[in-house]
Amino acid sequence: MENRKHTLDCALHLFAARGYDAVGVQEIVDLAGVTKPTLYHYFGSKRGLLEALLAIHYGKLEATLREAAHYSSDLPQTLKRIVQALFDFAQQNPAFYRLQLGFWFAPGESDGHQAVEQFNRRVNGILEQVFLSAVREHGNMRGRHQAYAITLLGMANTYIAMGLNGALRLDENLAEQAVRQFQYGIYS
């Protein structure tokens, strides 16, 4: 099992540094110190390795978001928890976060985009549920849950990309400011 985890860690490092398509299986096994048959035994293929890597990290991201997205009739506080949770997760997992962002914006037919699509739908679903729950207090949001979820995540991801590149500090003040800006549009 240690070989499996180490191979996943090495693949994440290589994919994040150079991109999924630029990294070959031989390079992954060389860095991990395993053989190709070992990689194929654990993952079946390079795509299987990618999918296992995404499943592990997205599982952690989804759990983090579900906890932060617990709605208790206070939308601003819930949104701030969500944005802060995204900021924290990205800072704790920068290689993965960069990788999944790159895949999300890759061409739709690419392996990377296809691999993250199901996970991103689930993340969006968590956020959509927050806005569906808020309709009770904010009726003007009715029917806009999908657009709001996409916009919130897009805004947070833009801040995260800038933060991971050193242009911003992903802290509580920025999370609060981002949520304030976001709220101007959703309450109208």
C-alpha atoms as a PDB file:
ATOM      1  CA  MET A   1       0.000   0.000   0.000  1.00  0.00           C
ATOM      2  CA  GLU A   2       2.918   2.337   0.622  1.00  0.00           C
ATOM      3  CA  ASN A   3       3.956   1.951  -3.039  1.00  0.00           C
ATOM      4  CA  ARG A   4       0.450   2.965  -4.117  1.00  0.00           C
ATOM      5  CA  LYS A   5       0.409   6.129  -2.013  1.00  0.00           C
ATOM      6  CA  HIS A   6       3.958   7.050  -3.004  1.00  0.00           C
ATOM      7  CA  THR A   7       3.105   6.554  -6.689  1.00  0.00           C
ATOM      8  CA  LEU A   8       0.052   8.817  -6.285  1.00  0.00           C
ATOM      9  CA  ASP A   9       2.187  11.483  -4.584  1.00  0.00           C
ATOM     10  CA  CYS A  10       4.818  11.324  -7.335  1.00  0.00           C
ATOM     11  CA  ALA A  11       2.186  11.518 -10.065  1.00  0.00           C
ATOM     12  CA  LEU A  12       0.564  14.536  -8.416  1.00  0.00           C
ATOM     13  CA  HIS A  13       3.939  16.256  -8.220  1.00  0.00           C
ATOM     14  CA  LEU A  14       4.702  15.587 -11.885  1.00  0.00           C
ATOM     15  CA  PHE A  15       1.210  16.370 -13.210  1.00  0.00           C
ATOM     16  CA  ALA A  16       1.040  19.626 -11.256  1.00  0.00           C
ATOM     17  CA  ALA A  17       4.518  20.700 -12.366  1.00  0.00           C
ATOM     18  CA  ARG A  18       4.267  19.883 -16.054  1.00  0.00           C
ATOM     19  CA  GLY A  19       0.721  18.860 -16.903  1.00  0.00           C
ATOM     20  CA  TYR A  20      -0.898  15.474 -17.267  1.00  0.00           C
ATOM     21  CA  ASP A  21      -0.269  15.121 -21.007  1.00  0.00           C
ATOM     22  CA  ALA A  22       3.430  16.027 -20.715  1.00  0.00           C
ATOM     23  CA  VAL A  23       4.181  13.260 -18.200  1.00  0.00           C
ATOM     24  CA  GLY A  24       4.712   9.670 -19.275  1.00  0.00           C
ATOM     25  CA  VAL A  25       4.182   6.497 -17.278  1.00  0.00           C
ATOM     26  CA  GLN A  26       7.918   5.738 -17.343  1.00  0.00           C
ATOM     27  CA  GLU A  27       8.680   9.070 -15.704  1.00  0.00           C
ATOM     28  CA  ILE A  28       6.129   8.391 -12.953  1.00  0.00           C
ATOM     29  CA  VAL A  29       7.473   4.927 -12.169  1.00  0.00           C
ATOM     30  CA  ASP A  30      11.063   6.168 -12.241  1.00  0.00           C
ATOM     31  CA  LEU A  31      10.296   8.904  -9.710  1.00  0.00           C
ATOM     32  CA  ALA A  32       8.194   6.563  -7.560  1.00  0.00           C
ATOM     33  CA  GLY A  33      10.777   3.789  -7.668  1.00  0.00           C
ATOM     34  CA  VAL A  34       8.248   1.201  -8.841  1.00  0.00           C
ATOM     35  CA  THR A  35       7.825  -0.795 -12.029  1.00  0.00           C
ATOM     36  CA  LYS A  36       5.269  -0.290 -14.772  1.00  0.00           C
ATOM     37  CA  PRO A  37       3.561  -3.571 -13.843  1.00  0.00           C
ATOM     38  CA  THR A  38       3.180  -2.236 -10.282  1.00  0.00           C
ATOM     39  CA  LEU A  39       1.562   0.973 -11.531  1.00  0.00           C
ATOM     40  CA  TYR A  40      -0.744  -1.004 -13.832  1.00  0.00           C
ATOM     41  CA  HIS A  41      -1.588  -3.412 -10.996  1.00  0.00           C
ATOM     42  CA  TYR A  42      -2.724  -0.573  -8.750  1.00  0.00           C
ATOM     43  CA  PHE A  43      -4.325   1.733 -11.316  1.00  0.00           C
ATOM     44  CA  GLY A  44      -4.811  -0.097 -14.619  1.00  0.00           C
ATOM     45  CA  SER A  45      -3.531   2.836 -16.686  1.00  0.00           C
ATOM     46  CA  LYS A  46      -2.252   6.393 -16.501  1.00  0.00           C
ATOM     47  CA  ARG A  47      -5.874   7.577 -16.668  1.00  0.00           C
ATOM     48  CA  GLY A  48      -6.749   5.187 -13.827  1.00  0.00           C
ATOM     49  CA  LEU A  49      -3.907   6.704 -11.803  1.00  0.00           C
ATOM     50  CA  LEU A  50      -5.291  10.176 -12.471  1.00  0.00           C
ATOM     51  CA  GLU A  51      -8.805   9.126 -11.499  1.00  0.00           C
ATOM     52  CA  ALA A  52      -7.561   7.576  -8.239  1.00  0.00           C
ATOM     53  CA  LEU A  53      -5.611  10.742  -7.466  1.00  0.00           C
ATOM     54  CA  LEU A  54      -8.647  12.932  -8.123  1.00  0.00           C
ATOM     55  CA  ALA A  55     -10.982  10.686  -6.116  1.00  0.00           C
ATOM     56  CA  ILE A  56      -8.792  10.929  -3.027  1.00  0.00           C
ATOM     57  CA  HIS A  57      -8.350  14.687  -3.117  1.00  0.00           C
ATOM     58  CA  TYR A  58     -11.861  15.541  -4.262  1.00  0.00           C
ATOM     59  CA  GLY A  59     -13.185  13.301  -1.498  1.00  0.00           C
ATOM     60  CA  LYS A  60     -11.380  15.490   1.022  1.00  0.00           C
ATOM     61  CA  LEU A  61     -12.546  18.674  -0.726  1.00  0.00           C
ATOM     62  CA  GLU A  62     -16.166  17.515  -0.795  1.00  0.00           C
ATOM     63  CA  ALA A  63     -16.079  16.600   2.898  1.00  0.00           C
ATOM     64  CA  THR A  64     -14.609  20.011   3.715  1.00  0.00           C
ATOM     65  CA  LEU A  65     -17.261  21.789   1.652  1.00  0.00           C
ATOM     66  CA  ARG A  66     -20.159  19.765   3.056  1.00  0.00           C
ATOM     67  CA  GLU A  67     -19.143  20.781   6.551  1.00  0.00           C
ATOM     68  CA  ALA A  68     -18.705  24.436   5.604  1.00  0.00           C
ATOM     69  CA  ALA A  69     -21.938  24.494   3.583  1.00  0.00           C
ATOM     70  CA  HIS A  70     -24.197  23.480   6.452  1.00  0.00           C
ATOM     71  CA  TYR A  71     -26.933  26.098   6.135  1.00  0.00           C
ATOM     72  CA  SER A  72     -28.674  27.423   9.232  1.00  0.00           C
ATOM     73  CA  SER A  73     -30.577  30.460   7.916  1.00  0.00           C
ATOM     74  CA  ASP A  74     -27.516  32.720   7.823  1.00  0.00           C
ATOM     75  CA  LEU A  75     -26.444  32.961   4.189  1.00  0.00           C
ATOM     76  CA  PRO A  76     -23.591  35.469   4.627  1.00  0.00           C
ATOM     77  CA  GLN A  77     -21.997  33.348   7.359  1.00  0.00           C
ATOM     78  CA  THR A  78     -22.436  30.159   5.325  1.00  0.00           C
ATOM     79  CA  LEU A  79     -20.885  31.746   2.240  1.00  0.00           C
ATOM     80  CA  LYS A  80     -17.945  33.024   4.270  1.00  0.00           C
ATOM     81  CA  ARG A  81     -17.360  29.541   5.715  1.00  0.00           C
ATOM     82  CA  ILE A  82     -17.441  28.072   2.206  1.00  0.00           C
ATOM     83  CA  VAL A  83     -15.003  30.581   0.736  1.00  0.00           C
ATOM     84  CA  GLN A  84     -12.662  30.277   3.728  1.00  0.00           C
ATOM     85  CA  ALA A  85     -12.830  26.474   3.479  1.00  0.00           C
ATOM     86  CA  LEU A  86     -11.885  26.672  -0.202  1.00  0.00           C
ATOM     87  CA  PHE A  87      -9.027  29.063   0.573  1.00  0.00           C
ATOM     88  CA  ASP A  88      -7.727  26.815   3.355  1.00  0.00           C
ATOM     89  CA  PHE A  89      -8.048  23.636   1.285  1.00  0.00           C
ATOM     90  CA  ALA A  90      -6.205  25.194  -1.661  1.00  0.00           C
ATOM     91  CA  GLN A  91      -3.389  26.410   0.582  1.00  0.00           C
ATOM     92  CA  GLN A  92      -3.054  22.976   2.183  1.00  0.00           C
ATOM     93  CA  ASN A  93      -3.195  21.192  -1.191  1.00  0.00           C
ATOM     94  CA  PRO A  94      -1.724  23.639  -3.707  1.00  0.00           C
ATOM     95  CA  ALA A  95      -0.470  21.069  -6.228  1.00  0.00           C
ATOM     96  CA  PHE A  96      -3.829  19.327  -6.386  1.00  0.00           C
ATOM     97  CA  TYR A  97      -5.764  22.574  -6.507  1.00  0.00           C
ATOM     98  CA  ARG A  98      -3.714  23.932  -9.410  1.00  0.00           C
ATOM     99  CA  LEU A  99      -4.027  20.620 -11.216  1.00  0.00           C
ATOM    100  CA  GLN A 100      -7.802  20.404 -10.925  1.00  0.00           C
ATOM    101  CA  LEU A 101      -8.222  24.053 -11.944  1.00  0.00           C
ATOM    102  CA  GLY A 102      -6.158  23.404 -15.050  1.00  0.00           C
ATOM    103  CA  PHE A 103      -8.237  20.347 -15.896  1.00  0.00           C
ATOM    104  CA  TRP A 104     -11.504  22.186 -15.392  1.00  0.00           C
ATOM    105  CA  PHE A 105     -10.517  24.804 -17.956  1.00  0.00           C
ATOM    106  CA  ALA A 106      -8.941  22.313 -20.384  1.00  0.00           C
ATOM    107  CA  PRO A 107     -10.744  21.355 -23.607  1.00  0.00           C
ATOM    108  CA  GLY A 108     -13.825  19.252 -22.933  1.00  0.00           C
ATOM    109  CA  GLU A 109     -12.512  16.232 -24.834  1.00  0.00           C
ATOM    110  CA  SER A 110      -9.229  16.077 -22.880  1.00  0.00           C
ATOM    111  CA  ASP A 111      -8.612  13.271 -20.389  1.00  0.00           C
ATOM    112  CA  GLY A 112      -8.071  15.775 -17.591  1.00  0.00           C
ATOM    113  CA  HIS A 113     -11.331  17.637 -18.135  1.00  0.00           C
ATOM    114  CA  GLN A 114     -13.315  14.436 -18.482  1.00  0.00           C
ATOM    115  CA  ALA A 115     -11.747  13.077 -15.302  1.00  0.00           C
ATOM    116  CA  VAL A 116     -12.651  16.131 -13.177  1.00  0.00           C
ATOM    117  CA  GLU A 117     -16.086  16.755 -14.659  1.00  0.00           C
ATOM    118  CA  GLN A 118     -17.971  14.379 -12.348  1.00  0.00           C
ATOM    119  CA  PHE A 119     -16.187  15.762  -9.291  1.00  0.00           C
ATOM    120  CA  ASN A 120     -16.843  19.360 -10.225  1.00  0.00           C
ATOM    121  CA  ARG A 121     -20.532  18.572 -10.720  1.00  0.00           C
ATOM    122  CA  ARG A 122     -20.635  17.208  -7.163  1.00  0.00           C
ATOM    123  CA  VAL A 123     -18.857  20.280  -5.771  1.00  0.00           C
ATOM    124  CA  ASN A 124     -21.298  22.536  -7.625  1.00  0.00           C
ATOM    125  CA  GLY A 125     -24.153  20.427  -6.272  1.00  0.00           C
ATOM    126  CA  ILE A 126     -23.036  21.101  -2.701  1.00  0.00           C
ATOM    127  CA  LEU A 127     -23.029  24.830  -3.400  1.00  0.00           C
ATOM    128  CA  GLU A 128     -26.339  24.733  -5.281  1.00  0.00           C
ATOM    129  CA  GLN A 129     -27.946  23.128  -2.242  1.00  0.00           C
ATOM    130  CA  VAL A 130     -26.920  26.106  -0.098  1.00  0.00           C
ATOM    131  CA  PHE A 131     -28.738  28.489  -2.418  1.00  0.00           C
ATOM    132  CA  LEU A 132     -31.764  26.204  -2.654  1.00  0.00           C
ATOM    133  CA  SER A 133     -31.920  26.196   1.144  1.00  0.00           C
ATOM    134  CA  ALA A 134     -31.632  29.986   1.263  1.00  0.00           C
ATOM    135  CA  VAL A 135     -34.719  30.466  -0.924  1.00  0.00           C
ATOM    136  CA  ARG A 136     -36.880  30.214   2.216  1.00  0.00           C
ATOM    137  CA  GLU A 137     -35.392  33.495   3.503  1.00  0.00           C
ATOM    138  CA  HIS A 138     -34.485  34.991   0.139  1.00  0.00           C
ATOM    139  CA  GLY A 139     -37.279  34.250  -2.307  1.00  0.00           C
ATOM    140  CA  ASN A 140     -35.719  36.382  -5.020  1.00  0.00           C
ATOM    141  CA  MET A 141     -33.049  33.656  -5.382  1.00  0.00           C
ATOM    142  CA  ARG A 142     -35.564  31.123  -6.620  1.00  0.00           C
ATOM    143  CA  GLY A 143     -34.378  29.459  -9.821  1.00  0.00           C
ATOM    144  CA  ARG A 144     -30.924  31.022  -9.653  1.00  0.00           C
ATOM    145  CA  HIS A 145     -29.173  28.389  -7.513  1.00  0.00           C
ATOM    146  CA  GLN A 146     -27.088  26.957 -10.349  1.00  0.00           C
ATOM    147  CA  ALA A 147     -25.836  30.353 -11.548  1.00  0.00           C
ATOM    148  CA  TYR A 148     -25.058  31.433  -7.990  1.00  0.00           C
ATOM    149  CA  ALA A 149     -23.098  28.248  -7.258  1.00  0.00           C
ATOM    150  CA  ILE A 150     -21.066  28.597 -10.458  1.00  0.00           C
ATOM    151  CA  THR A 151     -20.403  32.277  -9.808  1.00  0.00           C
ATOM    152  CA  LEU A 152     -19.373  31.755  -6.178  1.00  0.00           C
ATOM    153  CA  LEU A 153     -16.992  28.930  -7.060  1.00  0.00           C
ATOM    154  CA  GLY A 154     -15.584  30.847 -10.033  1.00  0.00           C
ATOM    155  CA  MET A 155     -14.937  33.893  -7.895  1.00  0.00           C
ATOM    156  CA  ALA A 156     -13.312  31.834  -5.136  1.00  0.00           C
ATOM    157  CA  ASN A 157     -11.172  29.945  -7.658  1.00  0.00           C
ATOM    158  CA  THR A 158      -9.957  33.187  -9.212  1.00  0.00           C
ATOM    159  CA  TYR A 159      -8.878  34.457  -5.805  1.00  0.00           C
ATOM    160  CA  ILE A 160      -7.279  31.088  -5.077  1.00  0.00           C
ATOM    161  CA  ALA A 161      -5.306  31.089  -8.329  1.00  0.00           C
ATOM    162  CA  MET A 162      -4.045  34.580  -7.560  1.00  0.00           C
ATOM    163  CA  GLY A 163      -3.253  33.576  -3.975  1.00  0.00           C
ATOM    164  CA  LEU A 164      -1.351  30.460  -5.010  1.00  0.00           C
ATOM    165  CA  ASN A 165       0.672  32.638  -7.374  1.00  0.00           C
ATOM    166  CA  GLY A 166       1.514  35.064  -4.572  1.00  0.00           C
ATOM    167  CA  ALA A 167      -0.605  38.009  -5.738  1.00  0.00           C
ATOM    168  CA  LEU A 168      -3.045  37.849  -2.803  1.00  0.00           C
ATOM    169  CA  ARG A 169      -3.147  36.569   0.732  1.00  0.00           C
ATOM    170  CA  LEU A 170      -5.892  33.956   1.095  1.00  0.00           C
ATOM    171  CA  ASP A 171      -6.997  34.941   4.582  1.00  0.00           C
ATOM    172  CA  GLU A 172     -10.184  35.597   6.515  1.00  0.00           C
ATOM    173  CA  ASN A 173     -10.294  39.265   5.479  1.00  0.00           C
ATOM    174  CA  LEU A 174     -10.181  38.359   1.799  1.00  0.00           C
ATOM    175  CA  ALA A 175     -12.855  35.697   2.284  1.00  0.00           C
ATOM    176  CA  GLU A 176     -15.101  38.255   3.974  1.00  0.00           C
ATOM    177  CA  GLN A 177     -14.460  40.851   1.273  1.00  0.00           C
ATOM    178  CA  ALA A 178     -15.143  38.321  -1.498  1.00  0.00           C
ATOM    179  CA  VAL A 179     -18.437  37.272   0.064  1.00  0.00           C
ATOM    180  CA  ARG A 180     -19.508  40.905   0.496  1.00  0.00           C
ATOM    181  CA  GLN A 181     -18.827  41.573  -3.180  1.00  0.00           C
ATOM    182  CA  PHE A 182     -20.667  38.424  -4.208  1.00  0.00           C
ATOM    183  CA  GLN A 183     -23.700  39.301  -2.097  1.00  0.00           C
ATOM    184  CA  TYR A 184     -24.244  42.646  -3.853  1.00  0.00           C
ATOM    185  CA  GLY A 185     -25.396  40.772  -6.933  1.00  0.00           C
ATOM    186  CA  ILE A 186     -27.423  37.965  -5.410  1.00  0.00           C
ATOM    187  CA  TYR A 187     -29.789  39.996  -3.270  1.00  0.00           C
ATOM    188  CA  SER A 188     -31.048  42.155  -6.122  1.00  0.00           C
END
